[in-house]
Amino acid sequence: QVQLVESGGGLVQTGGSLRLSCAASGFTFGRAVTSWHRQAPGKERELVAGVTSSGGDANYADSVKGRFTILRDNPKNTVYLQMNSLKPDDTAVYYCNVKSPIWARPQYDYWGQGTQVTVSS
């Protein structure tokens, strides 16, 4: 059974830091593309950060550049999101995603259960 289990969310004050973890079981990342998304109440889901299997090509939403870092530990089948200098606008449910590259067969697209991040003023 494939599972993505997220942890690390919680309540933090403005300017604080959190590290989200997404651990895969029953599955090996391999050449997958990993990413983090978030959705705030009343807003659409947005891509926060993504990285290719090599770890060398990362992209970030403009709103988090310089504050968030996506990290990947393939031997541990884990992807992290290090969040620094948190702002109230970062409050959202965060979801990790592990997805096959477009050329791979079979295709797959796995999501974590979501973890709540709340940043107080």
PDB file of N, CA and C in Angstrom:
ATOM      1  N   GLN A   1       0.842  -1.179   0.000  1.00  0.00           N
ATOM      2  CA  GLN A   1       0.000   0.000   0.000  1.00  0.00           C
ATOM      3  C   GLN A   1       0.886   1.240   0.000  1.00  0.00           C
ATOM      4  N   VAL A   2       0.623   2.141  -0.911  1.00  0.00           N
ATOM      5  CA  VAL A   2       1.378   3.378  -1.013  1.00  0.00           C
ATOM      6  C   VAL A   2       0.766   4.416  -0.087  1.00  0.00           C
ATOM      7  N   GLN A   3       1.612   5.045   0.709  1.00  0.00           N
ATOM      8  CA  GLN A   3       1.171   6.104   1.596  1.00  0.00           C
ATOM      9  C   GLN A   3       2.179   7.240   1.601  1.00  0.00           C
ATOM     10  N   LEU A   4       1.664   8.456   1.697  1.00  0.00           N
ATOM     11  CA  LEU A   4       2.463   9.637   1.958  1.00  0.00           C
ATOM     12  C   LEU A   4       1.951  10.233   3.259  1.00  0.00           C
ATOM     13  N   VAL A   5       2.786  10.220   4.283  1.00  0.00           N
ATOM     14  CA  VAL A   5       2.395  10.679   5.603  1.00  0.00           C
ATOM     15  C   VAL A   5       3.108  11.984   5.901  1.00  0.00           C
ATOM     16  N   GLU A   6       2.327  13.025   6.124  1.00  0.00           N
ATOM     17  CA  GLU A   6       2.866  14.339   6.412  1.00  0.00           C
ATOM     18  C   GLU A   6       2.917  14.590   7.914  1.00  0.00           C
ATOM     19  N   SER A   7       3.876  15.386   8.318  1.00  0.00           N
ATOM     20  CA  SER A   7       4.000  15.790   9.709  1.00  0.00           C
ATOM     21  C   SER A   7       4.722  17.124   9.772  1.00  0.00           C
ATOM     22  N   GLY A   8       4.683  17.755  10.932  1.00  0.00           N
ATOM     23  CA  GLY A   8       5.432  18.972  11.157  1.00  0.00           C
ATOM     24  C   GLY A   8       4.619  20.247  11.183  1.00  0.00           C
ATOM     25  N   GLY A   9       3.349  20.167  10.834  1.00  0.00           N
ATOM     26  CA  GLY A   9       2.513  21.353  10.886  1.00  0.00           C
ATOM     27  C   GLY A   9       2.189  21.747  12.314  1.00  0.00           C
ATOM     28  N   GLY A  10       1.609  22.924  12.455  1.00  0.00           N
ATOM     29  CA  GLY A  10       1.242  23.395  13.770  1.00  0.00           C
ATOM     30  C   GLY A  10       1.023  24.887  13.796  1.00  0.00           C
ATOM     31  N   LEU A  11       1.023  25.424  14.994  1.00  0.00           N
ATOM     32  CA  LEU A  11       0.812  26.849  15.228  1.00  0.00           C
ATOM     33  C   LEU A  11       2.138  27.509  15.544  1.00  0.00           C
ATOM     34  N   VAL A  12       2.417  28.606  14.863  1.00  0.00           N
ATOM     35  CA  VAL A  12       3.672  29.315  15.069  1.00  0.00           C
ATOM     36  C   VAL A  12       3.407  30.815  14.956  1.00  0.00           C
ATOM     37  N   GLN A  13       4.213  31.601  15.628  1.00  0.00           N
ATOM     38  CA  GLN A  13       4.089  33.046  15.562  1.00  0.00           C
ATOM     39  C   GLN A  13       4.757  33.601  14.312  1.00  0.00           C
ATOM     40  N   THR A  14       4.334  34.785  13.922  1.00  0.00           N
ATOM     41  CA  THR A  14       4.963  35.473  12.804  1.00  0.00           C
ATOM     42  C   THR A  14       6.476  35.551  13.009  1.00  0.00           C
ATOM     43  N   GLY A  15       7.215  35.210  11.958  1.00  0.00           N
ATOM     44  CA  GLY A  15       8.663  35.199  12.030  1.00  0.00           C
ATOM     45  C   GLY A  15       9.266  33.876  12.432  1.00  0.00           C
ATOM     46  N   GLY A  16       8.440  32.943  12.850  1.00  0.00           N
ATOM     47  CA  GLY A  16       8.922  31.645  13.266  1.00  0.00           C
ATOM     48  C   GLY A  16       9.186  30.719  12.103  1.00  0.00           C
ATOM     49  N   SER A  17       9.573  29.495  12.441  1.00  0.00           N
ATOM     50  CA  SER A  17       9.944  28.495  11.446  1.00  0.00           C
ATOM     51  C   SER A  17       9.260  27.174  11.729  1.00  0.00           C
ATOM     52  N   LEU A  18       9.017  26.433  10.668  1.00  0.00           N
ATOM     53  CA  LEU A  18       8.524  25.071  10.745  1.00  0.00           C
ATOM     54  C   LEU A  18       9.190  24.254   9.654  1.00  0.00           C
ATOM     55  N   ARG A  19       9.313  22.969   9.897  1.00  0.00           N
ATOM     56  CA  ARG A  19       9.771  22.052   8.869  1.00  0.00           C
ATOM     57  C   ARG A  19       8.722  20.965   8.676  1.00  0.00           C
ATOM     58  N   LEU A  20       8.174  20.904   7.485  1.00  0.00           N
ATOM     59  CA  LEU A  20       7.221  19.872   7.138  1.00  0.00           C
ATOM     60  C   LEU A  20       7.954  18.671   6.550  1.00  0.00           C
ATOM     61  N   SER A  21       7.471  17.493   6.883  1.00  0.00           N
ATOM     62  CA  SER A  21       8.036  16.259   6.358  1.00  0.00           C
ATOM     63  C   SER A  21       6.955  15.463   5.649  1.00  0.00           C
ATOM     64  N   CYS A  22       7.355  14.769   4.618  1.00  0.00           N
ATOM     65  CA  CYS A  22       6.464  13.890   3.880  1.00  0.00           C
ATOM     66  C   CYS A  22       7.213  12.596   3.626  1.00  0.00           C
ATOM     67  N   ALA A  23       6.805  11.544   4.303  1.00  0.00           N
ATOM     68  CA  ALA A  23       7.489  10.261   4.232  1.00  0.00           C
ATOM     69  C   ALA A  23       6.652   9.263   3.445  1.00  0.00           C
ATOM     70  N   ALA A  24       7.271   8.648   2.470  1.00  0.00           N
ATOM     71  CA  ALA A  24       6.597   7.665   1.639  1.00  0.00           C
ATOM     72  C   ALA A  24       6.853   6.256   2.149  1.00  0.00           C
ATOM     73  N   SER A  25       5.847   5.418   2.065  1.00  0.00           N
ATOM     74  CA  SER A  25       5.979   4.005   2.364  1.00  0.00           C
ATOM     75  C   SER A  25       5.295   3.199   1.278  1.00  0.00           C
ATOM     76  N   GLY A  26       5.791   1.989   1.078  1.00  0.00           N
ATOM     77  CA  GLY A  26       5.270   1.154   0.019  1.00  0.00           C
ATOM     78  C   GLY A  26       5.582   1.679  -1.365  1.00  0.00           C
ATOM     79  N   PHE A  27       6.596   2.516  -1.427  1.00  0.00           N
ATOM     80  CA  PHE A  27       6.904   3.211  -2.669  1.00  0.00           C
ATOM     81  C   PHE A  27       8.289   3.820  -2.538  1.00  0.00           C
ATOM     82  N   THR A  28       9.024   3.824  -3.608  1.00  0.00           N
ATOM     83  CA  THR A  28      10.330   4.461  -3.657  1.00  0.00           C
ATOM     84  C   THR A  28      10.264   5.656  -4.598  1.00  0.00           C
ATOM     85  N   PHE A  29      10.738   6.793  -4.110  1.00  0.00           N
ATOM     86  CA  PHE A  29      10.672   8.019  -4.915  1.00  0.00           C
ATOM     87  C   PHE A  29      11.254   7.822  -6.299  1.00  0.00           C
ATOM     88  N   GLY A  30      12.434   7.232  -6.336  1.00  0.00           N
ATOM     89  CA  GLY A  30      13.094   7.022  -7.611  1.00  0.00           C
ATOM     90  C   GLY A  30      13.248   8.313  -8.387  1.00  0.00           C
ATOM     91  N   ARG A  31      12.659   8.348  -9.552  1.00  0.00           N
ATOM     92  CA  ARG A  31      12.768   9.489 -10.445  1.00  0.00           C
ATOM     93  C   ARG A  31      11.571  10.418 -10.375  1.00  0.00           C
ATOM     94  N   ALA A  32      10.815  10.322  -9.316  1.00  0.00           N
ATOM     95  CA  ALA A  32       9.601  11.119  -9.185  1.00  0.00           C
ATOM     96  C   ALA A  32       9.912  12.594  -9.007  1.00  0.00           C
ATOM     97  N   VAL A  33       8.951  13.406  -9.399  1.00  0.00           N
ATOM     98  CA  VAL A  33       8.969  14.831  -9.121  1.00  0.00           C
ATOM     99  C   VAL A  33       8.199  15.058  -7.827  1.00  0.00           C
ATOM    100  N   THR A  34       8.805  15.765  -6.892  1.00  0.00           N
ATOM    101  CA  THR A  34       8.161  16.016  -5.607  1.00  0.00           C
ATOM    102  C   THR A  34       7.870  17.495  -5.454  1.00  0.00           C
ATOM    103  N   SER A  35       6.786  17.794  -4.761  1.00  0.00           N
ATOM    104  CA  SER A  35       6.385  19.180  -4.618  1.00  0.00           C
ATOM    105  C   SER A  35       5.524  19.355  -3.379  1.00  0.00           C
ATOM    106  N   TRP A  36       5.358  20.612  -2.992  1.00  0.00           N
ATOM    107  CA  TRP A  36       4.461  21.011  -1.923  1.00  0.00           C
ATOM    108  C   TRP A  36       3.462  22.015  -2.469  1.00  0.00           C
ATOM    109  N   HIS A  37       2.216  21.836  -2.071  1.00  0.00           N
ATOM    110  CA  HIS A  37       1.131  22.732  -2.433  1.00  0.00           C
ATOM    111  C   HIS A  37       0.432  23.183  -1.160  1.00  0.00           C
ATOM    112  N   ARG A  38      -0.301  24.276  -1.257  1.00  0.00           N
ATOM    113  CA  ARG A  38      -1.070  24.726  -0.108  1.00  0.00           C
ATOM    114  C   ARG A  38      -2.403  25.308  -0.561  1.00  0.00           C
ATOM    115  N   GLN A  39      -3.350  25.269   0.346  1.00  0.00           N
ATOM    116  CA  GLN A  39      -4.660  25.825   0.079  1.00  0.00           C
ATOM    117  C   GLN A  39      -5.177  26.516   1.333  1.00  0.00           C
ATOM    118  N   ALA A  40      -5.424  27.799   1.207  1.00  0.00           N
ATOM    119  CA  ALA A  40      -5.998  28.591   2.284  1.00  0.00           C
ATOM    120  C   ALA A  40      -7.507  28.656   2.102  1.00  0.00           C
ATOM    121  N   PRO A  41      -8.254  28.903   3.179  1.00  0.00           N
ATOM    122  CA  PRO A  41      -9.708  28.990   3.063  1.00  0.00           C
ATOM    123  C   PRO A  41     -10.137  30.018   2.025  1.00  0.00           C
ATOM    124  N   GLY A  42     -11.026  29.600   1.132  1.00  0.00           N
ATOM    125  CA  GLY A  42     -11.537  30.493   0.111  1.00  0.00           C
ATOM    126  C   GLY A  42     -10.605  30.754  -1.049  1.00  0.00           C
ATOM    127  N   LYS A  43      -9.468  30.094  -1.073  1.00  0.00           N
ATOM    128  CA  LYS A  43      -8.500  30.300  -2.138  1.00  0.00           C
ATOM    129  C   LYS A  43      -8.232  28.997  -2.883  1.00  0.00           C
ATOM    130  N   GLU A  44      -7.725  29.137  -4.088  1.00  0.00           N
ATOM    131  CA  GLU A  44      -7.355  27.975  -4.876  1.00  0.00           C
ATOM    132  C   GLU A  44      -6.049  27.376  -4.380  1.00  0.00           C
ATOM    133  N   ARG A  45      -5.904  26.088  -4.616  1.00  0.00           N
ATOM    134  CA  ARG A  45      -4.644  25.442  -4.307  1.00  0.00           C
ATOM    135  C   ARG A  45      -3.541  26.023  -5.166  1.00  0.00           C
ATOM    136  N   GLU A  46      -2.384  26.232  -4.572  1.00  0.00           N
ATOM    137  CA  GLU A  46      -1.265  26.776  -5.310  1.00  0.00           C
ATOM    138  C   GLU A  46      -0.011  25.947  -5.071  1.00  0.00           C
ATOM    139  N   LEU A  47       0.820  25.920  -6.077  1.00  0.00           N
ATOM    140  CA  LEU A  47       2.121  25.285  -5.949  1.00  0.00           C
ATOM    141  C   LEU A  47       3.042  26.183  -5.136  1.00  0.00           C
ATOM    142  N   VAL A  48       3.634  25.619  -4.111  1.00  0.00           N
ATOM    143  CA  VAL A  48       4.562  26.353  -3.259  1.00  0.00           C
ATOM    144  C   VAL A  48       5.997  26.122  -3.692  1.00  0.00           C
ATOM    145  N   ALA A  49       6.372  24.864  -3.868  1.00  0.00           N
ATOM    146  CA  ALA A  49       7.739  24.518  -4.220  1.00  0.00           C
ATOM    147  C   ALA A  49       7.753  23.150  -4.871  1.00  0.00           C
ATOM    148  N   GLY A  50       8.646  22.969  -5.814  1.00  0.00           N
ATOM    149  CA  GLY A  50       8.806  21.689  -6.466  1.00  0.00           C
ATOM    150  C   GLY A  50      10.258  21.442  -6.811  1.00  0.00           C
ATOM    151  N   VAL A  51      10.621  20.176  -6.904  1.00  0.00           N
ATOM    152  CA  VAL A  51      11.992  19.810  -7.228  1.00  0.00           C
ATOM    153  C   VAL A  51      11.984  18.507  -8.017  1.00  0.00           C
ATOM    154  N   THR A  52      12.879  18.404  -8.977  1.00  0.00           N
ATOM    155  CA  THR A  52      13.012  17.193  -9.769  1.00  0.00           C
ATOM    156  C   THR A  52      13.753  16.127  -8.985  1.00  0.00           C
ATOM    157  N   SER A  53      13.838  14.938  -9.550  1.00  0.00           N
ATOM    158  CA  SER A  53      14.444  13.815  -8.847  1.00  0.00           C
ATOM    159  C   SER A  53      15.907  14.041  -8.516  1.00  0.00           C
ATOM    160  N   SER A  54      16.591  14.813  -9.341  1.00  0.00           N
ATOM    161  CA  SER A  54      18.002  15.092  -9.103  1.00  0.00           C
ATOM    162  C   SER A  54      18.219  16.079  -7.967  1.00  0.00           C
ATOM    163  N   GLY A  55      17.202  16.846  -7.632  1.00  0.00           N
ATOM    164  CA  GLY A  55      17.329  17.881  -6.625  1.00  0.00           C
ATOM    165  C   GLY A  55      17.954  19.163  -7.120  1.00  0.00           C
ATOM    166  N   GLY A  56      18.277  19.219  -8.388  1.00  0.00           N
ATOM    167  CA  GLY A  56      18.978  20.366  -8.925  1.00  0.00           C
ATOM    168  C   GLY A  56      18.106  21.432  -9.556  1.00  0.00           C
ATOM    169  N   ASP A  57      16.851  21.114  -9.803  1.00  0.00           N
ATOM    170  CA  ASP A  57      15.944  22.050 -10.455  1.00  0.00           C
ATOM    171  C   ASP A  57      14.744  22.288  -9.565  1.00  0.00           C
ATOM    172  N   ALA A  58      14.836  23.295  -8.727  1.00  0.00           N
ATOM    173  CA  ALA A  58      13.760  23.647  -7.819  1.00  0.00           C
ATOM    174  C   ALA A  58      13.094  24.936  -8.269  1.00  0.00           C
ATOM    175  N   ASN A  59      11.805  25.027  -8.026  1.00  0.00           N
ATOM    176  CA  ASN A  59      11.088  26.255  -8.302  1.00  0.00           C
ATOM    177  C   ASN A  59      10.181  26.581  -7.131  1.00  0.00           C
ATOM    178  N   TYR A  60       9.947  27.879  -6.948  1.00  0.00           N
ATOM    179  CA  TYR A  60       9.185  28.362  -5.804  1.00  0.00           C
ATOM    180  C   TYR A  60       8.188  29.410  -6.242  1.00  0.00           C
ATOM    181  N   ALA A  61       7.078  29.454  -5.545  1.00  0.00           N
ATOM    182  CA  ALA A  61       6.159  30.556  -5.730  1.00  0.00           C
ATOM    183  C   ALA A  61       6.833  31.858  -5.317  1.00  0.00           C
ATOM    184  N   ASP A  62       6.497  32.932  -6.017  1.00  0.00           N
ATOM    185  CA  ASP A  62       7.120  34.219  -5.705  1.00  0.00           C
ATOM    186  C   ASP A  62       6.914  34.615  -4.248  1.00  0.00           C
ATOM    187  N   SER A  63       5.792  34.246  -3.688  1.00  0.00           N
ATOM    188  CA  SER A  63       5.472  34.654  -2.333  1.00  0.00           C
ATOM    189  C   SER A  63       6.344  34.000  -1.272  1.00  0.00           C
ATOM    190  N   VAL A  64       7.043  32.918  -1.621  1.00  0.00           N
ATOM    191  CA  VAL A  64       7.847  32.201  -0.626  1.00  0.00           C
ATOM    192  C   VAL A  64       9.326  32.187  -0.962  1.00  0.00           C
ATOM    193  N   LYS A  65       9.719  32.731  -2.081  1.00  0.00           N
ATOM    194  CA  LYS A  65      11.130  32.742  -2.460  1.00  0.00           C
ATOM    195  C   LYS A  65      11.969  33.437  -1.402  1.00  0.00           C
ATOM    196  N   GLY A  66      13.072  32.817  -1.075  1.00  0.00           N
ATOM    197  CA  GLY A  66      13.954  33.350  -0.051  1.00  0.00           C
ATOM    198  C   GLY A  66      13.592  32.962   1.355  1.00  0.00           C
ATOM    199  N   ARG A  67      12.415  32.381   1.544  1.00  0.00           N
ATOM    200  CA  ARG A  67      11.968  31.980   2.874  1.00  0.00           C
ATOM    201  C   ARG A  67      11.783  30.471   3.008  1.00  0.00           C
ATOM    202  N   PHE A  68      11.330  29.822   1.951  1.00  0.00           N
ATOM    203  CA  PHE A  68      11.070  28.389   1.973  1.00  0.00           C
ATOM    204  C   PHE A  68      12.121  27.653   1.160  1.00  0.00           C
ATOM    205  N   THR A  69      12.424  26.436   1.571  1.00  0.00           N
ATOM    206  CA  THR A  69      13.347  25.577   0.846  1.00  0.00           C
ATOM    207  C   THR A  69      12.784  24.171   0.790  1.00  0.00           C
ATOM    208  N   ILE A  70      12.728  23.598  -0.401  1.00  0.00           N
ATOM    209  CA  ILE A  70      12.322  22.214  -0.545  1.00  0.00           C
ATOM    210  C   ILE A  70      13.577  21.347  -0.566  1.00  0.00           C
ATOM    211  N   LEU A  71      13.554  20.304   0.229  1.00  0.00           N
ATOM    212  CA  LEU A  71      14.682  19.401   0.372  1.00  0.00           C
ATOM    213  C   LEU A  71      14.216  17.973   0.162  1.00  0.00           C
ATOM    214  N   ARG A  72      15.107  17.158  -0.334  1.00  0.00           N
ATOM    215  CA  ARG A  72      14.747  15.794  -0.680  1.00  0.00           C
ATOM    216  C   ARG A  72      15.829  14.842  -0.221  1.00  0.00           C
ATOM    217  N   ASP A  73      15.418  13.770   0.436  1.00  0.00           N
ATOM    218  CA  ASP A  73      16.321  12.730   0.895  1.00  0.00           C
ATOM    219  C   ASP A  73      15.837  11.420   0.294  1.00  0.00           C
ATOM    220  N   ASN A  74      16.343  11.095  -0.872  1.00  0.00           N
ATOM    221  CA  ASN A  74      15.852   9.922  -1.582  1.00  0.00           C
ATOM    222  C   ASN A  74      16.066   8.608  -0.824  1.00  0.00           C
ATOM    223  N   PRO A  75      17.232   8.397  -0.182  1.00  0.00           N
ATOM    224  CA  PRO A  75      17.386   7.141   0.564  1.00  0.00           C
ATOM    225  C   PRO A  75      16.354   6.961   1.675  1.00  0.00           C
ATOM    226  N   LYS A  76      15.859   8.037   2.236  1.00  0.00           N
ATOM    227  CA  LYS A  76      14.847   7.973   3.286  1.00  0.00           C
ATOM    228  C   LYS A  76      13.431   8.097   2.742  1.00  0.00           C
ATOM    229  N   ASN A  77      13.295   8.236   1.434  1.00  0.00           N
ATOM    230  CA  ASN A  77      11.976   8.391   0.824  1.00  0.00           C
ATOM    231  C   ASN A  77      11.192   9.530   1.475  1.00  0.00           C
ATOM    232  N   THR A  78      11.869  10.634   1.689  1.00  0.00           N
ATOM    233  CA  THR A  78      11.266  11.744   2.409  1.00  0.00           C
ATOM    234  C   THR A  78      11.569  13.055   1.698  1.00  0.00           C
ATOM    235  N   VAL A  79      10.565  13.911   1.654  1.00  0.00           N
ATOM    236  CA  VAL A  79      10.737  15.259   1.149  1.00  0.00           C
ATOM    237  C   VAL A  79      10.329  16.232   2.251  1.00  0.00           C
ATOM    238  N   TYR A  80      11.057  17.325   2.357  1.00  0.00           N
ATOM    239  CA  TYR A  80      10.844  18.307   3.406  1.00  0.00           C
ATOM    240  C   TYR A  80      10.521  19.668   2.808  1.00  0.00           C
ATOM    241  N   LEU A  81       9.854  20.464   3.592  1.00  0.00           N
ATOM    242  CA  LEU A  81       9.686  21.872   3.286  1.00  0.00           C
ATOM    243  C   LEU A  81      10.113  22.667   4.513  1.00  0.00           C
ATOM    244  N   GLN A  82      11.251  23.327   4.410  1.00  0.00           N
ATOM    245  CA  GLN A  82      11.733  24.192   5.477  1.00  0.00           C
ATOM    246  C   GLN A  82      11.138  25.574   5.274  1.00  0.00           C
ATOM    247  N   MET A  83      10.410  26.057   6.259  1.00  0.00           N
ATOM    248  CA  MET A  83       9.706  27.324   6.168  1.00  0.00           C
ATOM    249  C   MET A  83      10.241  28.259   7.239  1.00  0.00           C
ATOM    250  N   ASN A  84      10.827  29.353   6.807  1.00  0.00           N
ATOM    251  CA  ASN A  84      11.373  30.357   7.705  1.00  0.00           C
ATOM    252  C   ASN A  84      10.649  31.679   7.503  1.00  0.00           C
ATOM    253  N   SER A  85      10.798  32.559   8.471  1.00  0.00           N
ATOM    254  CA  SER A  85      10.198  33.894   8.411  1.00  0.00           C
ATOM    255  C   SER A  85       8.725  33.830   8.046  1.00  0.00           C
ATOM    256  N   LEU A  86       8.007  32.993   8.745  1.00  0.00           N
ATOM    257  CA  LEU A  86       6.608  32.749   8.410  1.00  0.00           C
ATOM    258  C   LEU A  86       5.745  33.987   8.635  1.00  0.00           C
ATOM    259  N   LYS A  87       4.752  34.119   7.775  1.00  0.00           N
ATOM    260  CA  LYS A  87       3.814  35.233   7.806  1.00  0.00           C
ATOM    261  C   LYS A  87       2.392  34.703   7.961  1.00  0.00           C
ATOM    262  N   PRO A  88       1.476  35.530   8.442  1.00  0.00           N
ATOM    263  CA  PRO A  88       0.081  35.081   8.520  1.00  0.00           C
ATOM    264  C   PRO A  88      -0.479  34.606   7.184  1.00  0.00           C
ATOM    265  N   ASP A  89      -0.023  35.187   6.079  1.00  0.00           N
ATOM    266  CA  ASP A  89      -0.498  34.767   4.764  1.00  0.00           C
ATOM    267  C   ASP A  89      -0.054  33.358   4.391  1.00  0.00           C
ATOM    268  N   ASP A  90       0.879  32.798   5.132  1.00  0.00           N
ATOM    269  CA  ASP A  90       1.297  31.421   4.900  1.00  0.00           C
ATOM    270  C   ASP A  90       0.331  30.409   5.514  1.00  0.00           C
ATOM    271  N   THR A  91      -0.622  30.874   6.275  1.00  0.00           N
ATOM    272  CA  THR A  91      -1.589  29.985   6.905  1.00  0.00           C
ATOM    273  C   THR A  91      -2.384  29.234   5.842  1.00  0.00           C
ATOM    274  N   ALA A  92      -2.346  27.919   5.909  1.00  0.00           N
ATOM    275  CA  ALA A  92      -2.996  27.081   4.907  1.00  0.00           C
ATOM    276  C   ALA A  92      -2.823  25.623   5.300  1.00  0.00           C
ATOM    277  N   VAL A  93      -3.517  24.760   4.580  1.00  0.00           N
ATOM    278  CA  VAL A  93      -3.242  23.338   4.642  1.00  0.00           C
ATOM    279  C   VAL A  93      -2.214  23.023   3.571  1.00  0.00           C
ATOM    280  N   TYR A  94      -1.154  22.350   3.965  1.00  0.00           N
ATOM    281  CA  TYR A  94      -0.063  22.032   3.059  1.00  0.00           C
ATOM    282  C   TYR A  94      -0.107  20.557   2.684  1.00  0.00           C
ATOM    283  N   TYR A  95       0.049  20.294   1.402  1.00  0.00           N
ATOM    284  CA  TYR A  95      -0.007  18.945   0.863  1.00  0.00           C
ATOM    285  C   TYR A  95       1.273  18.633   0.106  1.00  0.00           C
ATOM    286  N   CYS A  96       1.815  17.452   0.335  1.00  0.00           N
ATOM    287  CA  CYS A  96       2.934  17.018  -0.487  1.00  0.00           C
ATOM    288  C   CYS A  96       2.419  16.170  -1.638  1.00  0.00           C
ATOM    289  N   ASN A  97       3.176  16.174  -2.706  1.00  0.00           N
ATOM    290  CA  ASN A  97       2.810  15.460  -3.918  1.00  0.00           C
ATOM    291  C   ASN A  97       4.030  14.752  -4.481  1.00  0.00           C
ATOM    292  N   VAL A  98       3.842  13.513  -4.878  1.00  0.00           N
ATOM    293  CA  VAL A  98       4.883  12.742  -5.543  1.00  0.00           C
ATOM    294  C   VAL A  98       4.288  12.246  -6.850  1.00  0.00           C
ATOM    295  N   LYS A  99       4.895  12.648  -7.939  1.00  0.00           N
ATOM    296  CA  LYS A  99       4.315  12.417  -9.249  1.00  0.00           C
ATOM    297  C   LYS A  99       5.370  11.899 -10.216  1.00  0.00           C
ATOM    298  N   SER A 100       4.934  11.007 -11.084  1.00  0.00           N
ATOM    299  CA  SER A 100       5.840  10.456 -12.080  1.00  0.00           C
ATOM    300  C   SER A 100       6.211  11.509 -13.104  1.00  0.00           C
ATOM    301  N   PRO A 101       7.421  11.426 -13.647  1.00  0.00           N
ATOM    302  CA  PRO A 101       7.730  12.277 -14.791  1.00  0.00           C
ATOM    303  C   PRO A 101       6.851  11.902 -15.971  1.00  0.00           C
ATOM    304  N   ILE A 102       6.719  12.810 -16.911  1.00  0.00           N
ATOM    305  CA  ILE A 102       5.744  12.616 -17.976  1.00  0.00           C
ATOM    306  C   ILE A 102       6.083  11.436 -18.871  1.00  0.00           C
ATOM    307  N   TRP A 103       7.335  11.056 -18.902  1.00  0.00           N
ATOM    308  CA  TRP A 103       7.758   9.968 -19.789  1.00  0.00           C
ATOM    309  C   TRP A 103       7.623   8.583 -19.152  1.00  0.00           C
ATOM    310  N   ALA A 104       7.365   8.524 -17.853  1.00  0.00           N
ATOM    311  CA  ALA A 104       7.372   7.258 -17.138  1.00  0.00           C
ATOM    312  C   ALA A 104       6.101   6.458 -17.380  1.00  0.00           C
ATOM    313  N   ARG A 105       6.252   5.147 -17.302  1.00  0.00           N
ATOM    314  CA  ARG A 105       5.127   4.224 -17.359  1.00  0.00           C
ATOM    315  C   ARG A 105       5.302   3.148 -16.297  1.00  0.00           C
ATOM    316  N   PRO A 106       4.297   2.878 -15.481  1.00  0.00           N
ATOM    317  CA  PRO A 106       3.005   3.562 -15.455  1.00  0.00           C
ATOM    318  C   PRO A 106       3.087   4.949 -14.820  1.00  0.00           C
ATOM    319  N   GLN A 107       2.081   5.744 -15.076  1.00  0.00           N
ATOM    320  CA  GLN A 107       1.981   7.044 -14.450  1.00  0.00           C
ATOM    321  C   GLN A 107       1.428   6.906 -13.030  1.00  0.00           C
ATOM    322  N   TYR A 108       1.857   7.798 -12.147  1.00  0.00           N
ATOM    323  CA  TYR A 108       1.323   7.839 -10.798  1.00  0.00           C
ATOM    324  C   TYR A 108       1.284   9.265 -10.299  1.00  0.00           C
ATOM    325  N   ASP A 109       0.466   9.494  -9.299  1.00  0.00           N
ATOM    326  CA  ASP A 109       0.257  10.834  -8.760  1.00  0.00           C
ATOM    327  C   ASP A 109      -0.293  10.669  -7.345  1.00  0.00           C
ATOM    328  N   TYR A 110       0.590  10.767  -6.349  1.00  0.00           N
ATOM    329  CA  TYR A 110       0.224  10.511  -4.963  1.00  0.00           C
ATOM    330  C   TYR A 110       0.230  11.797  -4.158  1.00  0.00           C
ATOM    331  N   TRP A 111      -0.702  11.880  -3.220  1.00  0.00           N
ATOM    332  CA  TRP A 111      -0.843  13.050  -2.363  1.00  0.00           C
ATOM    333  C   TRP A 111      -0.847  12.659  -0.899  1.00  0.00           C
ATOM    334  N   GLY A 112      -0.244  13.518  -0.082  1.00  0.00           N
ATOM    335  CA  GLY A 112      -0.338  13.355   1.350  1.00  0.00           C
ATOM    336  C   GLY A 112      -1.697  13.793   1.864  1.00  0.00           C
ATOM    337  N   GLN A 113      -1.920  13.553   3.155  1.00  0.00           N
ATOM    338  CA  GLN A 113      -3.228  13.836   3.746  1.00  0.00           C
ATOM    339  C   GLN A 113      -3.429  15.308   4.079  1.00  0.00           C
ATOM    340  N   GLY A 114      -2.384  16.088   4.036  1.00  0.00           N
ATOM    341  CA  GLY A 114      -2.451  17.493   4.383  1.00  0.00           C
ATOM    342  C   GLY A 114      -2.098  17.737   5.830  1.00  0.00           C
ATOM    343  N   THR A 115      -1.421  18.835   6.077  1.00  0.00           N
ATOM    344  CA  THR A 115      -1.097  19.242   7.439  1.00  0.00           C
ATOM    345  C   THR A 115      -1.331  20.740   7.575  1.00  0.00           C
ATOM    346  N   GLN A 116      -1.959  21.116   8.672  1.00  0.00           N
ATOM    347  CA  GLN A 116      -2.343  22.508   8.886  1.00  0.00           C
ATOM    348  C   GLN A 116      -1.166  23.313   9.417  1.00  0.00           C
ATOM    349  N   VAL A 117      -0.930  24.454   8.787  1.00  0.00           N
ATOM    350  CA  VAL A 117       0.038  25.429   9.266  1.00  0.00           C
ATOM    351  C   VAL A 117      -0.716  26.711   9.571  1.00  0.00           C
ATOM    352  N   THR A 118      -0.608  27.177  10.796  1.00  0.00           N
ATOM    353  CA  THR A 118      -1.266  28.404  11.212  1.00  0.00           C
ATOM    354  C   THR A 118      -0.224  29.361  11.769  1.00  0.00           C
ATOM    355  N   VAL A 119      -0.181  30.553  11.209  1.00  0.00           N
ATOM    356  CA  VAL A 119       0.774  31.572  11.625  1.00  0.00           C
ATOM    357  C   VAL A 119      -0.005  32.715  12.254  1.00  0.00           C
ATOM    358  N   SER A 120       0.237  32.961  13.515  1.00  0.00           N
ATOM    359  CA  SER A 120      -0.470  34.001  14.247  1.00  0.00           C
ATOM    360  C   SER A 120       0.258  35.332  14.123  1.00  0.00           C
ATOM    361  N   SER A 121      -0.501  36.409  14.257  1.00  0.00           N
ATOM    362  CA  SER A 121       0.059  37.749  14.156  1.00  0.00           C
ATOM    363  C   SER A 121       0.870  38.104  15.388  1.00  0.00           C
TER     364      SER A 121
END
